Amino acid sequence: MQITNKTFVVTGAGNGIGREVALELLRRGARVAGVDISGAALTETAALAGASDRFSEHAVDLTDRERVAELPHAVAAAHGAVDGLINVAGIIQRFVPVAELSFEDIEKVINVNVWGTLNINKVFLDLLLARPEASLVNVSSMGGLTPFPGQTAYSASKGAVKLWTEGLQAELAGTQVAVTVVFPGAIATDIARLSGVTDASADTTDSKIKMTSAPDAGRQIVEAVASGKPRVRIGSDAKLLDRLSRLMPTKAIQMIAKKMASAGASVNS
């Protein structure tokens, strides 16, 4: 898909991978409607981009379906027709077992990661189908490939994003909409703080954990949009887990459980 002069909606554009996706699209000559729950964060992205009217700011909570339903009109007013949706927004949970999570903790993760994805996909799907070529990208996680103890609710939510996106790939096969699911491994972002998680195990500055940079992750996602690639694994850790989860699922679960127990490693998206 051509990137230049196309319009993309990017969720989570105020920070981390979402911000880097927005910046990379703008560098390639696209127009971007940045969506984030934080208006201040979007303003920071706009300042970094220096893209004038090619970047618009839309402070929206993706779990608020009524507000999400208003987005297509707002984006059309700013940029015209929408050619692509790249859904990056997501949060992690506190690094504790399910037994220590409240229902409210679990609902928060499910609402943002699952319902946020479904809401934004649904309101833009018909618009994408009306374009001569279009792209729909949802970011899952390596935690959606195999469970991570201490992040069970998060892994379940990202597993749902994986299957939802793969279902869309099947349903939209033969249409002009290319659907991509992304599995980031450990990415150097501020997702823990932004998710309200303060556990020491969520510290992504730990030098023992090999991480992909957010700009590199953003670049890989934009390249997948350009090529129409249906599946993207970011980082050697995500690629390894993808293989293990398919070839030896039980062993993969045991291996991750052991590593999480010994290293306190965290998963990011």
C-alpha atoms as a PDB file:
ATOM      1  CA  MET A   1       0.000   0.000   0.000  1.00  0.00           C
ATOM      2  CA  GLN A   2       1.246   3.466  -0.801  1.00  0.00           C
ATOM      3  CA  ILE A   3       1.858   5.569   2.319  1.00  0.00           C
ATOM      4  CA  THR A   4       2.371   9.039   0.847  1.00  0.00           C
ATOM      5  CA  ASN A   5      -0.738  11.229   0.786  1.00  0.00           C
ATOM      6  CA  LYS A   6      -2.819   8.581   2.579  1.00  0.00           C
ATOM      7  CA  THR A   7      -4.693   9.159   5.846  1.00  0.00           C
ATOM      8  CA  PHE A   8      -4.179   6.864   8.821  1.00  0.00           C
ATOM      9  CA  VAL A   9      -5.840   6.710  12.214  1.00  0.00           C
ATOM     10  CA  VAL A  10      -3.298   5.683  14.868  1.00  0.00           C
ATOM     11  CA  THR A  11      -4.409   4.833  18.391  1.00  0.00           C
ATOM     12  CA  GLY A  12      -2.014   5.157  21.300  1.00  0.00           C
ATOM     13  CA  ALA A  13      -0.335   7.951  19.339  1.00  0.00           C
ATOM     14  CA  GLY A  14       0.590   9.869  22.476  1.00  0.00           C
ATOM     15  CA  ASN A  15       3.365   7.533  23.603  1.00  0.00           C
ATOM     16  CA  GLY A  16       5.548   4.537  22.865  1.00  0.00           C
ATOM     17  CA  ILE A  17       4.981   2.441  19.767  1.00  0.00           C
ATOM     18  CA  GLY A  18       1.882   4.376  18.731  1.00  0.00           C
ATOM     19  CA  ARG A  19       3.767   7.663  18.755  1.00  0.00           C
ATOM     20  CA  GLU A  20       6.589   6.145  16.701  1.00  0.00           C
ATOM     21  CA  VAL A  21       4.134   4.718  14.173  1.00  0.00           C
ATOM     22  CA  ALA A  22       2.553   8.163  13.789  1.00  0.00           C
ATOM     23  CA  LEU A  23       5.937   9.859  13.379  1.00  0.00           C
ATOM     24  CA  GLU A  24       7.113   7.289  10.821  1.00  0.00           C
ATOM     25  CA  LEU A  25       3.932   7.667   8.773  1.00  0.00           C
ATOM     26  CA  LEU A  26       4.344  11.443   8.788  1.00  0.00           C
ATOM     27  CA  ARG A  27       7.975  11.126   7.707  1.00  0.00           C
ATOM     28  CA  ARG A  28       6.745   9.115   4.737  1.00  0.00           C
ATOM     29  CA  GLY A  29       4.304  11.806   3.681  1.00  0.00           C
ATOM     30  CA  ALA A  30       1.069  10.506   5.188  1.00  0.00           C
ATOM     31  CA  ARG A  31      -1.639  12.331   7.115  1.00  0.00           C
ATOM     32  CA  VAL A  32      -2.268  11.036  10.633  1.00  0.00           C
ATOM     33  CA  ALA A  33      -5.207  11.309  12.999  1.00  0.00           C
ATOM     34  CA  GLY A  34      -3.612  10.619  16.368  1.00  0.00           C
ATOM     35  CA  VAL A  35      -5.912   9.076  18.961  1.00  0.00           C
ATOM     36  CA  ASP A  36      -5.014   8.787  22.630  1.00  0.00           C
ATOM     37  CA  ILE A  37      -6.708   9.073  26.001  1.00  0.00           C
ATOM     38  CA  SER A  38      -4.244  11.871  26.873  1.00  0.00           C
ATOM     39  CA  GLY A  39      -4.635  15.133  25.012  1.00  0.00           C
ATOM     40  CA  ALA A  40      -1.378  16.416  26.513  1.00  0.00           C
ATOM     41  CA  ALA A  41       0.506  13.394  25.157  1.00  0.00           C
ATOM     42  CA  LEU A  42      -0.931  13.987  21.686  1.00  0.00           C
ATOM     43  CA  THR A  43       0.219  17.595  21.826  1.00  0.00           C
ATOM     44  CA  GLU A  44       3.740  16.341  22.585  1.00  0.00           C
ATOM     45  CA  THR A  45       3.578  14.040  19.567  1.00  0.00           C
ATOM     46  CA  ALA A  46       2.396  16.929  17.397  1.00  0.00           C
ATOM     47  CA  ALA A  47       5.337  19.036  18.571  1.00  0.00           C
ATOM     48  CA  LEU A  48       7.779  16.236  17.770  1.00  0.00           C
ATOM     49  CA  ALA A  49       6.231  15.707  14.356  1.00  0.00           C
ATOM     50  CA  GLY A  50       6.196  19.333  13.238  1.00  0.00           C
ATOM     51  CA  ALA A  51       3.786  18.216  10.537  1.00  0.00           C
ATOM     52  CA  SER A  52       1.350  21.116  10.710  1.00  0.00           C
ATOM     53  CA  ASP A  53      -2.126  20.147   9.539  1.00  0.00           C
ATOM     54  CA  ARG A  54      -1.020  16.656   8.461  1.00  0.00           C
ATOM     55  CA  PHE A  55      -1.393  15.585  12.116  1.00  0.00           C
ATOM     56  CA  SER A  56      -4.655  16.021  14.025  1.00  0.00           C
ATOM     57  CA  GLU A  57      -5.202  15.352  17.729  1.00  0.00           C
ATOM     58  CA  HIS A  58      -8.184  13.332  19.009  1.00  0.00           C
ATOM     59  CA  ALA A  59      -8.283  12.774  22.776  1.00  0.00           C
ATOM     60  CA  VAL A  60     -10.663   9.818  23.121  1.00  0.00           C
ATOM     61  CA  ASP A  61     -11.072   6.943  25.565  1.00  0.00           C
ATOM     62  CA  LEU A  62     -11.446   3.878  23.335  1.00  0.00           C
ATOM     63  CA  THR A  63     -13.688   2.189  25.899  1.00  0.00           C
ATOM     64  CA  ASP A  64     -16.250   4.980  25.436  1.00  0.00           C
ATOM     65  CA  ARG A  65     -18.171   3.639  22.464  1.00  0.00           C
ATOM     66  CA  GLU A  66     -20.176   6.813  21.915  1.00  0.00           C
ATOM     67  CA  ARG A  67     -17.019   8.920  21.709  1.00  0.00           C
ATOM     68  CA  VAL A  68     -15.348   6.376  19.440  1.00  0.00           C
ATOM     69  CA  ALA A  69     -18.380   6.470  17.138  1.00  0.00           C
ATOM     70  CA  GLU A  70     -17.796  10.201  16.661  1.00  0.00           C
ATOM     71  CA  LEU A  71     -14.209   9.701  15.474  1.00  0.00           C
ATOM     72  CA  PRO A  72     -14.899   9.007  11.781  1.00  0.00           C
ATOM     73  CA  HIS A  73     -16.647  12.365  11.448  1.00  0.00           C
ATOM     74  CA  ALA A  74     -13.849  14.185  13.271  1.00  0.00           C
ATOM     75  CA  VAL A  75     -11.151  12.518  11.170  1.00  0.00           C
ATOM     76  CA  ALA A  76     -13.032  13.208   7.940  1.00  0.00           C
ATOM     77  CA  ALA A  77     -13.321  16.871   8.890  1.00  0.00           C
ATOM     78  CA  ALA A  78      -9.576  17.070   9.449  1.00  0.00           C
ATOM     79  CA  HIS A  79      -8.256  14.914   6.595  1.00  0.00           C
ATOM     80  CA  GLY A  80     -11.017  13.537   4.391  1.00  0.00           C
ATOM     81  CA  ALA A  81     -11.305   9.803   3.688  1.00  0.00           C
ATOM     82  CA  VAL A  82      -9.508   7.274   5.906  1.00  0.00           C
ATOM     83  CA  ASP A  83      -7.150   4.796   4.239  1.00  0.00           C
ATOM     84  CA  GLY A  84      -5.809   2.943   7.248  1.00  0.00           C
ATOM     85  CA  LEU A  85      -6.324   2.171  10.927  1.00  0.00           C
ATOM     86  CA  ILE A  86      -3.384   1.187  13.110  1.00  0.00           C
ATOM     87  CA  ASN A  87      -4.582   0.229  16.572  1.00  0.00           C
ATOM     88  CA  VAL A  88      -1.691   0.255  19.048  1.00  0.00           C
ATOM     89  CA  ALA A  89      -3.343   1.430  22.285  1.00  0.00           C
ATOM     90  CA  GLY A  90      -3.182  -1.039  25.164  1.00  0.00           C
ATOM     91  CA  ILE A  91      -2.326  -1.468  28.832  1.00  0.00           C
ATOM     92  CA  ILE A  92      -0.824  -4.148  31.045  1.00  0.00           C
ATOM     93  CA  GLN A  93      -1.986  -5.345  34.463  1.00  0.00           C
ATOM     94  CA  ARG A  94      -0.310  -5.320  37.857  1.00  0.00           C
ATOM     95  CA  PHE A  95       2.364  -8.029  38.046  1.00  0.00           C
ATOM     96  CA  VAL A  96       0.456 -10.377  40.354  1.00  0.00           C
ATOM     97  CA  PRO A  97      -1.390 -13.705  40.016  1.00  0.00           C
ATOM     98  CA  VAL A  98      -5.068 -13.704  39.113  1.00  0.00           C
ATOM     99  CA  ALA A  99      -5.929 -14.546  42.736  1.00  0.00           C
ATOM    100  CA  GLU A 100      -4.586 -11.132  43.753  1.00  0.00           C
ATOM    101  CA  LEU A 101      -6.398  -9.171  41.041  1.00  0.00           C
ATOM    102  CA  SER A 102      -9.764  -7.565  41.684  1.00  0.00           C
ATOM    103  CA  PHE A 103     -12.563  -7.845  39.149  1.00  0.00           C
ATOM    104  CA  GLU A 104     -12.016  -4.137  38.520  1.00  0.00           C
ATOM    105  CA  ASP A 105      -8.337  -4.762  37.677  1.00  0.00           C
ATOM    106  CA  ILE A 106      -9.300  -7.442  35.174  1.00  0.00           C
ATOM    107  CA  GLU A 107     -12.128  -5.441  33.645  1.00  0.00           C
ATOM    108  CA  LYS A 108      -9.858  -2.459  33.075  1.00  0.00           C
ATOM    109  CA  VAL A 109      -7.406  -4.516  31.018  1.00  0.00           C
ATOM    110  CA  ILE A 110     -10.142  -6.324  29.076  1.00  0.00           C
ATOM    111  CA  ASN A 111     -12.046  -3.113  28.402  1.00  0.00           C
ATOM    112  CA  VAL A 112      -9.041  -1.239  27.013  1.00  0.00           C
ATOM    113  CA  ASN A 113      -7.336  -4.046  25.114  1.00  0.00           C
ATOM    114  CA  VAL A 114     -10.346  -5.987  23.849  1.00  0.00           C
ATOM    115  CA  TRP A 115     -13.308  -3.614  23.740  1.00  0.00           C
ATOM    116  CA  GLY A 116     -11.101  -0.700  22.733  1.00  0.00           C
ATOM    117  CA  THR A 117      -9.903  -2.730  19.754  1.00  0.00           C
ATOM    118  CA  LEU A 118     -13.391  -3.912  18.802  1.00  0.00           C
ATOM    119  CA  ASN A 119     -14.865  -0.423  19.128  1.00  0.00           C
ATOM    120  CA  ILE A 120     -12.302   1.303  16.914  1.00  0.00           C
ATOM    121  CA  ASN A 121     -12.298  -1.522  14.337  1.00  0.00           C
ATOM    122  CA  LYS A 122     -16.081  -1.530  14.017  1.00  0.00           C
ATOM    123  CA  VAL A 123     -16.548   2.203  13.492  1.00  0.00           C
ATOM    124  CA  PHE A 124     -13.905   2.401  10.741  1.00  0.00           C
ATOM    125  CA  LEU A 125     -14.404  -0.933   8.975  1.00  0.00           C
ATOM    126  CA  ASP A 126     -17.066   0.204   6.492  1.00  0.00           C
ATOM    127  CA  LEU A 127     -15.004   3.291   5.636  1.00  0.00           C
ATOM    128  CA  LEU A 128     -11.942   1.156   4.929  1.00  0.00           C
ATOM    129  CA  LEU A 129     -13.973  -1.190   2.743  1.00  0.00           C
ATOM    130  CA  ALA A 130     -15.069   1.805   0.678  1.00  0.00           C
ATOM    131  CA  ARG A 131     -11.491   2.730  -0.249  1.00  0.00           C
ATOM    132  CA  PRO A 132      -9.640   1.449  -3.346  1.00  0.00           C
ATOM    133  CA  GLU A 133      -6.958   0.091  -1.010  1.00  0.00           C
ATOM    134  CA  ALA A 134      -6.804   0.155   2.774  1.00  0.00           C
ATOM    135  CA  SER A 135      -4.992  -1.242   5.797  1.00  0.00           C
ATOM    136  CA  LEU A 136      -6.221  -2.416   9.196  1.00  0.00           C
ATOM    137  CA  VAL A 137      -3.579  -3.226  11.813  1.00  0.00           C
ATOM    138  CA  ASN A 138      -4.113  -4.466  15.365  1.00  0.00           C
ATOM    139  CA  VAL A 139      -1.269  -4.853  17.839  1.00  0.00           C
ATOM    140  CA  SER A 140      -1.439  -8.008  19.932  1.00  0.00           C
ATOM    141  CA  SER A 141       1.655  -9.116  21.900  1.00  0.00           C
ATOM    142  CA  MET A 142       3.944 -12.068  22.403  1.00  0.00           C
ATOM    143  CA  GLY A 143       1.773 -12.409  25.515  1.00  0.00           C
ATOM    144  CA  GLY A 144      -1.042 -13.259  23.122  1.00  0.00           C
ATOM    145  CA  LEU A 145       0.958 -16.229  21.826  1.00  0.00           C
ATOM    146  CA  THR A 146       1.609 -17.914  25.162  1.00  0.00           C
ATOM    147  CA  PRO A 147       0.594 -16.936  28.709  1.00  0.00           C
ATOM    148  CA  PHE A 148       2.846 -14.961  31.030  1.00  0.00           C
ATOM    149  CA  PRO A 149       2.300 -15.688  34.744  1.00  0.00           C
ATOM    150  CA  GLY A 150       1.583 -12.438  36.546  1.00  0.00           C
ATOM    151  CA  GLN A 151       0.104 -11.070  33.315  1.00  0.00           C
ATOM    152  CA  THR A 152      -2.677 -13.587  32.759  1.00  0.00           C
ATOM    153  CA  ALA A 153      -5.446 -11.036  32.191  1.00  0.00           C
ATOM    154  CA  TYR A 154      -3.187  -9.105  29.823  1.00  0.00           C
ATOM    155  CA  SER A 155      -2.243 -12.273  27.913  1.00  0.00           C
ATOM    156  CA  ALA A 156      -5.909 -13.264  27.631  1.00  0.00           C
ATOM    157  CA  SER A 157      -6.806  -9.824  26.272  1.00  0.00           C
ATOM    158  CA  LYS A 158      -4.025  -9.920  23.701  1.00  0.00           C
ATOM    159  CA  GLY A 159      -4.966 -13.475  22.735  1.00  0.00           C
ATOM    160  CA  ALA A 160      -8.425 -12.121  21.997  1.00  0.00           C
ATOM    161  CA  VAL A 161      -6.919  -9.373  19.827  1.00  0.00           C
ATOM    162  CA  LYS A 162      -4.942 -12.033  17.939  1.00  0.00           C
ATOM    163  CA  LEU A 163      -7.995 -14.162  17.163  1.00  0.00           C
ATOM    164  CA  TRP A 164     -10.205 -11.155  16.377  1.00  0.00           C
ATOM    165  CA  THR A 165      -7.660  -9.888  13.862  1.00  0.00           C
ATOM    166  CA  GLU A 166      -7.118 -13.306  12.308  1.00  0.00           C
ATOM    167  CA  GLY A 167     -10.896 -13.622  11.996  1.00  0.00           C
ATOM    168  CA  LEU A 168     -10.969 -10.309  10.128  1.00  0.00           C
ATOM    169  CA  GLN A 169      -8.206 -11.580   7.862  1.00  0.00           C
ATOM    170  CA  ALA A 170     -10.414 -14.539   6.917  1.00  0.00           C
ATOM    171  CA  GLU A 171     -13.555 -12.436   6.496  1.00  0.00           C
ATOM    172  CA  LEU A 172     -11.852  -9.726   4.453  1.00  0.00           C
ATOM    173  CA  ALA A 173      -9.816 -12.028   2.227  1.00  0.00           C
ATOM    174  CA  GLY A 174     -10.379 -10.984  -1.351  1.00  0.00           C
ATOM    175  CA  THR A 175     -11.289  -7.420  -0.438  1.00  0.00           C
ATOM    176  CA  GLN A 176      -9.094  -4.352  -0.797  1.00  0.00           C
ATOM    177  CA  VAL A 177      -8.468  -4.200   2.981  1.00  0.00           C
ATOM    178  CA  ALA A 178      -5.165  -5.747   4.060  1.00  0.00           C
ATOM    179  CA  VAL A 179      -5.364  -6.919   7.683  1.00  0.00           C
ATOM    180  CA  THR A 180      -2.232  -7.230   9.824  1.00  0.00           C
ATOM    181  CA  VAL A 181      -1.721  -8.608  13.326  1.00  0.00           C
ATOM    182  CA  VAL A 182       1.422  -7.526  15.191  1.00  0.00           C
ATOM    183  CA  PHE A 183       3.182  -9.422  17.980  1.00  0.00           C
ATOM    184  CA  PRO A 184       5.719  -7.197  19.732  1.00  0.00           C
ATOM    185  CA  GLY A 185       8.156  -8.743  22.155  1.00  0.00           C
ATOM    186  CA  ALA A 186       9.727  -6.662  24.902  1.00  0.00           C
ATOM    187  CA  ILE A 187       9.747  -3.050  23.700  1.00  0.00           C
ATOM    188  CA  ALA A 188      11.420  -0.137  25.485  1.00  0.00           C
ATOM    189  CA  THR A 189       8.363   1.980  26.252  1.00  0.00           C
ATOM    190  CA  ASP A 190       6.666   3.586  29.254  1.00  0.00           C
ATOM    191  CA  ILE A 191       3.667   1.238  29.155  1.00  0.00           C
ATOM    192  CA  ALA A 192       3.988   0.194  32.808  1.00  0.00           C
ATOM    193  CA  ARG A 193       3.672   3.730  34.177  1.00  0.00           C
ATOM    194  CA  LEU A 194       0.953   4.615  31.696  1.00  0.00           C
ATOM    195  CA  SER A 195      -0.971   1.493  32.742  1.00  0.00           C
ATOM    196  CA  GLY A 196      -0.756   2.538  36.386  1.00  0.00           C
ATOM    197  CA  VAL A 197       1.614  -0.336  37.181  1.00  0.00           C
ATOM    198  CA  THR A 198       4.389   0.453  39.629  1.00  0.00           C
ATOM    199  CA  ASP A 199       5.715  -3.057  40.384  1.00  0.00           C
ATOM    200  CA  ALA A 200       9.492  -3.381  40.301  1.00  0.00           C
ATOM    201  CA  SER A 201       9.093  -6.263  37.845  1.00  0.00           C
ATOM    202  CA  ALA A 202       7.596  -3.829  35.355  1.00  0.00           C
ATOM    203  CA  ASP A 203      10.822  -1.828  35.076  1.00  0.00           C
ATOM    204  CA  THR A 204      11.705  -1.864  31.380  1.00  0.00           C
ATOM    205  CA  THR A 205      15.110  -0.296  32.060  1.00  0.00           C
ATOM    206  CA  ASP A 206      16.441  -3.663  33.300  1.00  0.00           C
ATOM    207  CA  SER A 207      19.578  -4.226  31.203  1.00  0.00           C
ATOM    208  CA  LYS A 208      19.168  -8.019  31.472  1.00  0.00           C
ATOM    209  CA  ILE A 209      16.155  -7.874  29.181  1.00  0.00           C
ATOM    210  CA  LYS A 210      16.958  -7.447  25.500  1.00  0.00           C
ATOM    211  CA  MET A 211      14.477  -4.952  24.107  1.00  0.00           C
ATOM    212  CA  THR A 212      13.548  -3.564  20.736  1.00  0.00           C
ATOM    213  CA  SER A 213      13.439   0.222  20.592  1.00  0.00           C
ATOM    214  CA  ALA A 214      10.075   1.900  20.095  1.00  0.00           C
ATOM    215  CA  PRO A 215      11.240   3.665  16.891  1.00  0.00           C
ATOM    216  CA  ASP A 216      12.347   0.321  15.420  1.00  0.00           C
ATOM    217  CA  ALA A 217       9.003  -1.248  16.334  1.00  0.00           C
ATOM    218  CA  GLY A 218       7.144   1.656  14.764  1.00  0.00           C
ATOM    219  CA  ARG A 219       9.185   1.383  11.585  1.00  0.00           C
ATOM    220  CA  GLN A 220       8.476  -2.349  11.279  1.00  0.00           C
ATOM    221  CA  ILE A 221       4.737  -1.776  11.633  1.00  0.00           C
ATOM    222  CA  VAL A 222       4.700   0.927   8.956  1.00  0.00           C
ATOM    223  CA  GLU A 223       6.724  -1.300   6.642  1.00  0.00           C
ATOM    224  CA  ALA A 224       4.120  -4.034   7.156  1.00  0.00           C
ATOM    225  CA  VAL A 225       1.409  -1.573   6.126  1.00  0.00           C
ATOM    226  CA  ALA A 226       3.363  -0.686   2.990  1.00  0.00           C
ATOM    227  CA  SER A 227       3.878  -4.335   2.044  1.00  0.00           C
ATOM    228  CA  GLY A 228       0.502  -5.669   3.184  1.00  0.00           C
ATOM    229  CA  LYS A 229       2.218  -8.241   5.391  1.00  0.00           C
ATOM    230  CA  PRO A 230      -0.416 -10.133   7.398  1.00  0.00           C
ATOM    231  CA  ARG A 231       1.716 -11.096  10.396  1.00  0.00           C
ATOM    232  CA  VAL A 232       4.530  -9.221  12.111  1.00  0.00           C
ATOM    233  CA  ARG A 233       6.693 -10.464  14.981  1.00  0.00           C
ATOM    234  CA  ILE A 234       8.879  -7.778  16.515  1.00  0.00           C
ATOM    235  CA  GLY A 235      12.020  -8.875  18.332  1.00  0.00           C
ATOM    236  CA  SER A 236      13.872 -12.172  18.639  1.00  0.00           C
ATOM    237  CA  ASP A 237      11.857 -12.995  21.767  1.00  0.00           C
ATOM    238  CA  ALA A 238       8.523 -12.764  19.939  1.00  0.00           C
ATOM    239  CA  LYS A 239       9.863 -14.848  17.045  1.00  0.00           C
ATOM    240  CA  LEU A 240      11.130 -17.556  19.410  1.00  0.00           C
ATOM    241  CA  LEU A 241       7.868 -17.691  21.352  1.00  0.00           C
ATOM    242  CA  ASP A 242       5.862 -17.839  18.144  1.00  0.00           C
ATOM    243  CA  ARG A 243       7.752 -20.936  17.064  1.00  0.00           C
ATOM    244  CA  LEU A 244       7.664 -22.599  20.479  1.00  0.00           C
ATOM    245  CA  SER A 245       3.975 -21.894  21.060  1.00  0.00           C
ATOM    246  CA  ARG A 246       3.106 -23.690  17.834  1.00  0.00           C
ATOM    247  CA  LEU A 247       5.572 -26.585  18.007  1.00  0.00           C
ATOM    248  CA  MET A 248       5.700 -27.221  21.774  1.00  0.00           C
ATOM    249  CA  PRO A 249       2.887 -25.280  23.489  1.00  0.00           C
ATOM    250  CA  THR A 250       3.198 -26.971  26.895  1.00  0.00           C
ATOM    251  CA  LYS A 251       6.958 -26.538  26.963  1.00  0.00           C
ATOM    252  CA  ALA A 252       6.573 -22.884  25.987  1.00  0.00           C
ATOM    253  CA  ILE A 253       4.241 -22.266  28.934  1.00  0.00           C
ATOM    254  CA  GLN A 254       6.642 -23.988  31.323  1.00  0.00           C
ATOM    255  CA  MET A 255       9.646 -22.095  29.970  1.00  0.00           C
ATOM    256  CA  ILE A 256       7.968 -18.694  30.328  1.00  0.00           C
ATOM    257  CA  ALA A 257       6.738 -19.529  33.836  1.00  0.00           C
ATOM    258  CA  LYS A 258      10.279 -20.428  34.878  1.00  0.00           C
ATOM    259  CA  LYS A 259      11.791 -17.304  33.359  1.00  0.00           C
ATOM    260  CA  MET A 260       9.169 -15.028  34.892  1.00  0.00           C
ATOM    261  CA  ALA A 261       9.739 -16.590  38.316  1.00  0.00           C
ATOM    262  CA  SER A 262      13.526 -16.250  38.160  1.00  0.00           C
ATOM    263  CA  ALA A 263      13.968 -12.934  36.373  1.00  0.00           C
ATOM    264  CA  GLY A 264      10.796 -10.954  37.020  1.00  0.00           C
ATOM    265  CA  ALA A 265      10.753 -10.129  33.315  1.00  0.00           C
ATOM    266  CA  SER A 266       7.895  -8.112  31.875  1.00  0.00           C
ATOM    267  CA  VAL A 267       6.037  -8.085  28.581  1.00  0.00           C
ATOM    268  CA  ASN A 268       5.269  -4.899  26.671  1.00  0.00           C
ATOM    269  CA  SER A 269       3.161  -3.912  23.744  1.00  0.00           C
END
